[in-house]
Amino acid sequence: MVVALIAASGISYFTSTPKVQTTHPGSTGQNLASGWKIVRTNLTVYYDAACIPVEVSYLSCPTVNTAAHSPSLSGVDLISYLGTYYYAVNFTYYLEGQPVTNQIWYTNSTVFCMSPPQPSSGYGACPTEPPRQLGITAPSTPAYALNQALGLELRLSLATDSLTGGLLVNIQEQNMLNRVNNVSASDQWEVPPANLTGVNMGGILGFAIYQGAVDLGSLSAAKPLPLLEPGSMINCPSCSSLQYYLFQPLSDNATAPPGGTFPYYSSSSIRVFLNDTVSGYWTSSTQFGYFPPGAYTVAAFDQWGQVVLSQFEVTE
């Protein structure tokens, strides 16, 4: 059964289906092999809980009308996963006449996961197999590269994400001078930004993960793992949209030139850092898999040609 998002004109083309409709019909309290449990099925949720799947799909949700109980979304399941309750729904909307369906797990305020995953937005794939720690061993201290001519230090830290068991990647561009640092924009990427993950903030930072041990000498010949879903849009395929950046003293805060803003942020001042959690990569155009056991190298890049490498190990 397909049900419509109701009570608002102009959005009747959104549809949702219960996440477990075809494979686990109506079994309340069912324990699944993936480690999550169906608590209730085919619910109708209202107001903010109805809007989250709409807004995360970059669409507008109607104004809340409590008298009409609008907006509302039917065909929603309530599940329990690792001690937390989530709504789960297969949400379909139409883009240029073509249906787009995402599986979304969410709470009353935030999205937990999406399938297919959207790493560029910070949403990993929803669990389809037993949750497991990947056995990631990462360095306890950050790696860094200092560009003395520019006064900028690129830092890379790795850790295990305690919630997902994946790899937490933290990258930061720090002004090492105790004064405002006027740094001209550049486009000296060691690897094309289109091959990187997390390229944002006017195209200042990005990273890639490689299988095996990679060093600066072998980096140009190495092939990065496809962390993003095939066909995903890269935010900044050609960067350096601003002429220069004003880094604040001893800070990762950067300000755009007067009258300028950072693309995708509509702000004249941002922190130049990147946090992302990864647990695997796309093995085909439709299949996402966990990192298999072995050694891996994370490479952080900036638009001034700096590169920082750090390795981690995955065990079962």
Protein backbone atom coordinates (compact mmCIF):
# COMPACT_ATOMS: atom_id res chain seq x y z
CA MET A 1 0.00 0.00 0.00
CA VAL A 2 1.21 3.48 -0.82
CA VAL A 3 -0.01 6.43 1.22
CA ALA A 4 0.22 10.15 0.58
CA LEU A 5 1.52 12.90 2.77
CA ILE A 6 -1.76 14.57 3.59
CA ALA A 7 -3.32 17.88 4.50
CA ALA A 8 -1.28 20.25 2.36
CA SER A 9 -1.85 21.43 -1.18
CA GLY A 10 1.09 21.15 -3.52
CA ILE A 11 2.73 18.18 -1.79
CA SER A 12 0.38 15.36 -2.64
CA TYR A 13 3.04 13.86 -4.88
CA PHE A 14 5.08 12.80 -1.85
CA THR A 15 4.47 9.22 -0.82
CA SER A 16 5.69 6.96 1.92
CA THR A 17 5.61 3.25 2.57
CA PRO A 18 6.35 1.38 5.80
CA LYS A 19 10.00 0.42 5.83
CA VAL A 20 9.19 -3.23 6.47
CA GLN A 21 6.05 -3.50 4.37
CA THR A 22 7.25 -6.04 1.81
CA THR A 23 9.58 -8.20 3.85
CA HIS A 24 8.19 -8.07 7.40
CA PRO A 25 4.46 -7.36 7.21
CA GLY A 26 2.88 -6.20 10.45
CA SER A 27 4.93 -8.13 12.98
CA THR A 28 5.05 -5.94 16.06
CA GLY A 29 8.06 -6.58 18.27
CA GLN A 30 9.81 -8.67 15.64
CA ASN A 31 13.57 -9.11 16.11
CA LEU A 32 15.41 -8.80 12.83
CA ALA A 33 18.77 -10.15 11.83
CA SER A 34 20.06 -6.61 11.45
CA GLY A 35 19.88 -5.98 15.20
CA TRP A 36 16.86 -3.68 15.14
CA LYS A 37 13.35 -4.46 16.33
CA ILE A 38 9.98 -3.37 14.97
CA VAL A 39 7.97 -1.88 17.82
CA ARG A 40 4.90 -0.62 15.93
CA THR A 41 3.95 -0.49 12.28
CA ASN A 42 1.97 1.75 9.95
CA LEU A 43 1.82 4.77 12.23
CA THR A 44 0.74 8.30 11.33
CA VAL A 45 3.02 11.03 12.65
CA TYR A 46 2.28 14.74 12.80
CA TYR A 47 3.88 18.17 12.67
CA ASP A 48 7.69 18.17 13.01
CA ALA A 49 7.89 14.38 12.82
CA ALA A 50 6.04 14.52 9.49
CA CYS A 51 8.24 17.29 8.11
CA ILE A 52 11.68 15.82 8.70
CA PRO A 53 11.65 13.37 5.73
CA VAL A 54 10.35 16.20 3.54
CA GLU A 55 12.93 18.76 4.59
CA VAL A 56 15.89 16.37 4.47
CA SER A 57 14.90 15.79 0.83
CA TYR A 58 15.39 19.55 0.25
CA LEU A 59 11.66 20.18 -0.04
CA SER A 60 9.37 22.59 1.78
CA CYS A 61 6.95 21.35 4.43
CA PRO A 62 3.61 23.09 4.97
CA THR A 63 3.03 25.37 7.93
CA VAL A 64 1.88 23.56 11.06
CA ASN A 65 -1.90 23.71 11.52
CA THR A 66 -2.87 22.00 14.78
CA ALA A 67 -6.59 22.46 14.13
CA ALA A 68 -6.33 20.43 10.92
CA HIS A 69 -3.63 18.09 12.31
CA SER A 70 -1.38 19.09 9.46
CA PRO A 71 1.11 18.16 8.22
CA SER A 72 0.95 14.41 8.74
CA LEU A 73 2.74 11.39 7.33
CA SER A 74 1.31 7.87 7.26
CA GLY A 75 2.96 4.50 6.76
CA VAL A 76 5.67 5.12 9.35
CA ASP A 77 7.19 2.35 11.48
CA LEU A 78 8.58 2.73 15.00
CA ILE A 79 11.75 0.71 15.52
CA SER A 80 14.27 0.16 18.29
CA TYR A 81 17.96 0.10 17.45
CA LEU A 82 20.84 -0.03 19.96
CA GLY A 83 18.58 1.23 22.73
CA THR A 84 17.10 4.19 20.82
CA TYR A 85 13.70 4.53 19.16
CA TYR A 86 13.46 5.81 15.58
CA TYR A 87 10.77 6.41 13.02
CA ALA A 88 11.47 4.52 9.79
CA VAL A 89 9.91 5.23 6.40
CA ASN A 90 10.56 4.80 2.71
CA PHE A 91 9.99 8.33 1.44
CA THR A 92 9.40 8.96 -2.27
CA TYR A 93 9.29 12.28 -4.09
CA TYR A 94 9.52 13.22 -7.75
CA LEU A 95 12.47 15.05 -9.28
CA GLU A 96 12.03 16.17 -12.87
CA GLY A 97 9.25 13.63 -13.24
CA GLN A 98 11.28 10.71 -11.90
CA PRO A 99 10.63 9.04 -8.52
CA VAL A 100 13.40 9.23 -5.91
CA THR A 101 13.07 6.96 -2.87
CA ASN A 102 15.10 7.20 0.33
CA GLN A 103 14.85 5.03 3.40
CA ILE A 104 15.02 7.38 6.39
CA TRP A 105 15.38 6.67 10.10
CA TYR A 106 14.80 9.71 12.28
CA THR A 107 13.65 11.07 15.62
CA ASN A 108 11.36 14.00 16.32
CA SER A 109 14.21 16.39 15.62
CA THR A 110 17.06 14.77 13.66
CA VAL A 111 17.84 12.24 10.93
CA PHE A 112 19.82 9.19 12.05
CA CYS A 113 20.52 7.53 8.71
CA MET A 114 19.48 7.35 5.06
CA SER A 115 19.68 4.65 2.43
CA PRO A 116 21.17 5.17 -0.05
CA PRO A 117 23.65 6.94 2.25
CA GLN A 118 24.47 10.59 1.73
CA PRO A 119 27.93 11.10 3.25
CA SER A 120 28.17 14.65 1.92
CA SER A 121 25.22 15.52 4.17
CA GLY A 122 26.48 13.47 7.07
CA TYR A 123 23.94 10.64 6.75
CA GLY A 124 25.29 7.11 6.66
CA ALA A 125 23.46 4.05 5.39
CA CYS A 126 20.76 2.56 7.60
CA PRO A 127 21.72 -0.81 9.10
CA THR A 128 20.95 -3.86 6.99
CA GLU A 129 23.11 -6.32 8.91
CA PRO A 130 24.07 -6.79 12.56
CA PRO A 131 25.67 -3.66 14.00
CA ARG A 132 29.32 -4.31 14.67
CA GLN A 133 32.44 -2.53 15.71
CA LEU A 134 34.88 -2.60 12.84
CA GLY A 135 37.85 -3.04 15.16
CA ILE A 136 39.45 0.19 13.97
CA THR A 137 42.90 1.03 15.28
CA ALA A 138 43.78 4.66 14.64
CA PRO A 139 46.69 6.87 15.73
CA SER A 140 46.20 8.56 19.09
CA THR A 141 47.88 11.78 17.96
CA PRO A 142 47.02 14.00 14.96
CA ALA A 143 49.14 14.36 11.88
CA TYR A 144 49.83 17.78 10.48
CA ALA A 145 51.59 19.75 7.74
CA LEU A 146 52.75 23.34 8.22
CA ASN A 147 53.00 25.77 5.34
CA GLN A 148 55.41 28.29 6.84
CA ALA A 149 55.08 30.70 3.93
CA LEU A 150 51.31 30.97 4.45
CA GLY A 151 51.25 30.44 8.19
CA LEU A 152 48.64 27.69 7.84
CA GLU A 153 48.70 24.25 9.43
CA LEU A 154 46.58 21.40 8.06
CA ARG A 155 45.68 18.90 10.79
CA LEU A 156 44.23 15.40 10.45
CA SER A 157 42.90 13.37 13.38
CA LEU A 158 41.41 9.88 13.28
CA ALA A 159 39.37 8.07 15.93
CA THR A 160 36.71 5.40 16.32
CA ASP A 161 33.14 6.71 16.42
CA SER A 162 31.68 5.29 19.63
CA LEU A 163 28.11 5.39 18.23
CA THR A 164 28.55 3.77 14.82
CA GLY A 165 31.86 1.95 15.21
CA GLY A 166 33.05 3.69 12.04
CA LEU A 167 36.07 5.90 11.48
CA LEU A 168 35.77 9.52 12.59
CA VAL A 169 37.78 11.87 10.36
CA ASN A 170 38.54 15.37 11.63
CA ILE A 171 40.37 17.92 9.45
CA GLN A 172 41.22 21.47 10.45
CA GLU A 173 42.96 24.43 8.79
CA GLN A 174 44.59 26.53 11.52
CA ASN A 175 46.18 29.97 11.29
CA MET A 176 49.44 29.69 13.26
CA LEU A 177 50.08 33.44 13.34
CA ASN A 178 49.01 35.65 16.25
CA ARG A 179 47.52 38.18 13.85
CA VAL A 180 44.88 38.25 11.12
CA ASN A 181 46.29 36.28 8.20
CA ASN A 182 45.31 37.37 4.68
CA VAL A 183 45.73 34.22 2.55
CA SER A 184 45.15 34.36 -1.20
CA ALA A 185 42.90 31.65 -2.61
CA SER A 186 44.59 28.98 -4.65
CA ASP A 187 43.82 25.90 -6.73
CA GLN A 188 46.91 23.77 -6.12
CA TRP A 189 45.16 20.57 -5.10
CA GLU A 190 47.40 17.50 -5.14
CA VAL A 191 44.31 15.48 -6.09
CA PRO A 192 41.40 16.95 -8.11
CA PRO A 193 38.60 18.05 -5.76
CA ALA A 194 36.11 15.97 -7.77
CA ASN A 195 37.90 12.85 -6.44
CA LEU A 196 37.64 13.94 -2.79
CA THR A 197 35.02 13.71 -0.07
CA GLY A 198 33.83 16.63 2.03
CA VAL A 199 35.00 19.39 -0.30
CA ASN A 200 33.08 22.37 0.96
CA MET A 201 33.40 25.83 2.51
CA GLY A 202 34.43 27.40 -0.80
CA GLY A 203 36.56 24.38 -1.58
CA ILE A 204 39.17 24.68 1.17
CA LEU A 205 39.37 21.10 2.50
CA GLY A 206 38.74 17.54 1.38
CA PHE A 207 39.89 13.99 2.05
CA ALA A 208 40.21 10.57 0.48
CA ILE A 209 40.76 7.04 1.79
CA TYR A 210 43.03 4.54 0.07
CA GLN A 211 43.33 0.81 0.60
CA GLY A 212 46.77 -0.17 1.84
CA ALA A 213 49.71 1.90 2.98
CA VAL A 214 50.15 4.98 0.80
CA ASP A 215 52.89 7.61 1.14
CA LEU A 216 53.51 10.93 -0.58
CA GLY A 217 55.57 9.22 -3.27
CA SER A 218 52.83 6.79 -4.27
CA LEU A 219 49.84 9.06 -3.68
CA SER A 220 49.45 10.28 -7.27
CA ALA A 221 49.17 6.71 -8.57
CA ALA A 222 46.82 5.50 -5.83
CA LYS A 223 43.09 5.21 -6.46
CA PRO A 224 40.79 6.60 -3.74
CA LEU A 225 37.96 4.40 -2.53
CA PRO A 226 34.48 5.58 -3.65
CA LEU A 227 33.11 6.92 -0.35
CA LEU A 228 30.30 8.82 -2.04
CA GLU A 229 27.36 7.18 -3.76
CA PRO A 230 28.10 6.87 -7.49
CA GLY A 231 26.59 9.82 -9.33
CA SER A 232 26.58 12.07 -6.25
CA MET A 233 27.17 15.73 -6.94
CA ILE A 234 30.45 17.15 -5.67
CA ASN A 235 29.80 20.47 -3.98
CA CYS A 236 32.88 22.14 -5.34
CA PRO A 237 34.33 20.52 -8.49
CA SER A 238 36.15 23.80 -9.25
CA CYS A 239 37.08 25.74 -6.18
CA SER A 240 38.62 29.07 -5.14
CA SER A 241 35.40 31.02 -5.50
CA LEU A 242 36.82 33.76 -3.24
CA GLN A 243 39.95 35.79 -3.96
CA TYR A 244 41.33 35.57 -0.42
CA TYR A 245 40.50 34.51 3.14
CA LEU A 246 41.05 36.39 6.38
CA PHE A 247 42.05 33.84 9.03
CA GLN A 248 41.66 35.08 12.58
CA PRO A 249 44.71 34.96 14.91
CA LEU A 250 45.63 31.44 16.09
CA SER A 251 42.26 30.18 14.87
CA ASP A 252 40.51 28.08 12.26
CA ASN A 253 37.95 30.84 11.75
CA ALA A 254 38.10 32.46 8.32
CA THR A 255 36.26 35.51 6.99
CA ALA A 256 35.42 36.21 3.35
CA PRO A 257 36.38 39.51 1.69
CA PRO A 258 33.96 42.39 2.28
CA GLY A 259 30.69 41.63 0.51
CA GLY A 260 31.65 37.99 -0.08
CA THR A 261 30.16 34.81 1.33
CA PHE A 262 31.21 31.18 1.45
CA PRO A 263 29.29 29.05 -1.08
CA TYR A 264 26.67 26.71 0.38
CA TYR A 265 26.85 28.58 3.70
CA SER A 266 25.58 32.07 2.80
CA SER A 267 27.88 33.31 5.54
CA SER A 268 30.85 35.65 5.55
CA SER A 269 32.60 33.81 8.39
CA ILE A 270 33.06 30.08 9.03
CA ARG A 271 35.25 27.62 10.88
CA VAL A 272 37.50 25.82 8.42
CA PHE A 273 37.14 22.28 9.66
CA LEU A 274 35.54 19.02 8.56
CA ASN A 275 34.08 16.14 10.57
CA ASP A 276 32.90 12.99 8.85
CA THR A 277 32.27 9.40 9.85
CA VAL A 278 32.89 6.60 7.38
CA SER A 279 32.44 2.86 7.76
CA GLY A 280 32.93 1.61 4.21
CA TYR A 281 32.65 2.43 0.54
CA TRP A 282 30.66 1.68 -2.60
CA THR A 283 31.73 -1.62 -4.15
CA SER A 284 29.42 -1.10 -7.14
CA SER A 285 26.90 1.44 -8.39
CA THR A 286 24.25 -0.01 -6.06
CA GLN A 287 26.15 -1.79 -3.28
CA PHE A 288 27.72 -0.24 -0.17
CA GLY A 289 29.94 -2.40 2.05
CA TYR A 290 31.92 -2.13 5.29
CA PHE A 291 35.70 -1.76 5.18
CA PRO A 292 37.13 -5.27 4.97
CA PRO A 293 40.00 -6.10 7.32
CA GLY A 294 43.32 -4.54 6.37
CA ALA A 295 45.36 -1.36 6.33
CA TYR A 296 44.07 1.95 4.99
CA THR A 297 45.42 5.45 4.48
CA VAL A 298 43.50 8.69 4.97
CA ALA A 299 44.79 11.70 3.03
CA ALA A 300 43.67 15.24 3.86
CA PHE A 301 44.12 17.98 1.27
CA ASP A 302 43.70 21.73 1.04
CA GLN A 303 43.58 24.09 -1.91
CA TRP A 304 47.15 25.33 -1.24
CA GLY A 305 48.64 21.94 -2.01
CA GLN A 306 49.15 20.69 1.52
CA VAL A 307 48.72 16.97 2.16
CA VAL A 308 48.55 15.08 5.45
CA LEU A 309 48.53 11.27 5.66
CA SER A 310 47.45 9.02 8.49
CA GLN A 311 46.85 5.26 8.53
CA PHE A 312 44.36 3.06 10.33
CA GLU A 313 43.82 -0.68 10.61
CA VAL A 314 40.55 -2.60 10.38
CA THR A 315 39.98 -5.98 12.04
CA GLU A 316 36.80 -7.97 12.50
